[in-house]
Amino acid sequence: MQGLAALLFPAVLMLFALAMEKVQARIDRHTVSADHVEEFLESADAGHVDTLAKEGFPAALDEFRSRRSRGESTPAAAAPLLDSPQRAS
């Protein structure tokens, strides 16, 4: 029995390490830096903030970048929202 465990343990350990590598790759893909947050907060409109609240920061940042790459500007109606932030009570 101990011989079987000695033979199987390295294989199980290798499979576990490969699985954890895939998990880490998914986590790294969704990691957001402070620079990304700063960029988003400086020029996000109401639609981007709604996406942030519903789907999380990576999805909101992707939407923000895709709109910016298409050349869409911030709508005039959303500009006052950026100038006067309000806290929720």
Protein backbone atom coordinates (compact mmCIF):
# COMPACT_ATOMS: atom_id res chain seq x y z
CA MET A 1 0.00 0.00 0.00
CA GLN A 2 2.83 2.39 0.82
CA GLY A 3 4.49 1.61 -2.50
CA LEU A 4 1.32 2.50 -4.36
CA ALA A 5 1.04 5.79 -2.46
CA ALA A 6 4.69 6.55 -3.21
CA LEU A 7 4.05 6.02 -6.93
CA LEU A 8 0.79 7.95 -7.10
CA PHE A 9 1.73 10.94 -4.93
CA PRO A 10 4.05 12.62 -7.50
CA ALA A 11 1.48 12.22 -10.27
CA VAL A 12 -1.32 13.66 -8.13
CA LEU A 13 0.94 16.52 -7.05
CA MET A 14 1.78 17.33 -10.69
CA LEU A 15 -1.91 17.32 -11.68
CA PHE A 16 -2.72 19.61 -8.76
CA ALA A 17 0.08 22.00 -9.77
CA LEU A 18 -1.21 22.14 -13.37
CA ALA A 19 -4.74 22.84 -12.16
CA MET A 20 -3.53 25.64 -9.89
CA GLU A 21 -1.57 27.15 -12.81
CA LYS A 22 -4.80 27.37 -14.82
CA VAL A 23 -6.59 28.98 -11.87
CA GLN A 24 -3.74 31.50 -11.49
CA ALA A 25 -3.90 32.36 -15.20
CA ARG A 26 -7.62 33.16 -14.87
CA ILE A 27 -6.98 35.30 -11.80
CA ASP A 28 -4.15 37.18 -13.53
CA ARG A 29 -6.38 37.92 -16.50
CA HIS A 30 -8.89 39.64 -14.19
CA THR A 31 -6.33 41.54 -12.13
CA VAL A 32 -6.64 45.32 -12.22
CA SER A 33 -3.84 47.73 -11.32
CA ALA A 34 -4.15 51.11 -9.58
CA ASP A 35 -3.35 52.85 -12.88
CA HIS A 36 -6.35 51.18 -14.52
CA VAL A 37 -8.62 52.32 -11.69
CA GLU A 38 -7.30 55.89 -11.87
CA GLU A 39 -7.80 56.02 -15.65
CA PHE A 40 -11.33 54.66 -15.33
CA LEU A 41 -12.37 57.07 -12.58
CA GLU A 42 -11.03 60.10 -14.45
CA SER A 43 -13.12 59.62 -17.57
CA ALA A 44 -15.94 57.11 -16.99
CA ASP A 45 -19.53 58.04 -17.74
CA ALA A 46 -22.76 56.84 -16.16
CA GLY A 47 -22.98 53.78 -18.42
CA HIS A 48 -19.51 52.65 -17.39
CA VAL A 49 -20.38 53.10 -13.72
CA ASP A 50 -23.55 51.02 -14.19
CA THR A 51 -21.48 48.24 -15.73
CA LEU A 52 -19.05 48.53 -12.82
CA ALA A 53 -21.88 48.08 -10.32
CA LYS A 54 -23.50 45.16 -12.17
CA GLU A 55 -20.59 43.16 -13.59
CA GLY A 56 -17.45 44.25 -11.76
CA PHE A 57 -14.39 46.28 -12.64
CA PRO A 58 -12.81 44.08 -15.37
CA ALA A 59 -16.00 44.14 -17.46
CA ALA A 60 -16.46 47.90 -16.96
CA LEU A 61 -12.84 48.56 -17.92
CA ASP A 62 -13.19 46.42 -21.05
CA GLU A 63 -16.33 48.31 -22.06
CA PHE A 64 -14.64 51.64 -21.34
CA ARG A 65 -11.61 50.75 -23.47
CA SER A 66 -13.73 49.46 -26.36
CA ARG A 67 -15.80 52.66 -26.43
CA ARG A 68 -12.67 54.78 -26.21
CA SER A 69 -11.00 52.86 -29.07
CA ARG A 70 -14.08 53.41 -31.26
CA GLY A 71 -13.74 57.14 -30.62
CA GLU A 72 -16.94 57.67 -28.66
CA SER A 73 -16.70 60.63 -26.31
CA THR A 74 -18.32 61.14 -22.93
CA PRO A 75 -21.90 62.35 -23.38
CA ALA A 76 -22.65 65.89 -22.19
CA ALA A 77 -25.38 64.61 -19.87
CA ALA A 78 -22.88 62.48 -17.94
CA ALA A 79 -20.35 65.31 -17.44
CA PRO A 80 -22.09 66.78 -14.35
CA LEU A 81 -21.97 63.36 -12.71
CA LEU A 82 -18.19 63.36 -12.98
CA ASP A 83 -17.80 66.88 -11.57
CA SER A 84 -19.82 66.40 -8.40
CA PRO A 85 -19.37 62.99 -6.81
CA GLN A 86 -21.89 62.12 -4.13
CA ARG A 87 -21.65 59.61 -1.35
CA ALA A 88 -24.34 57.10 -0.66
CA SER A 89 -25.69 57.26 2.87
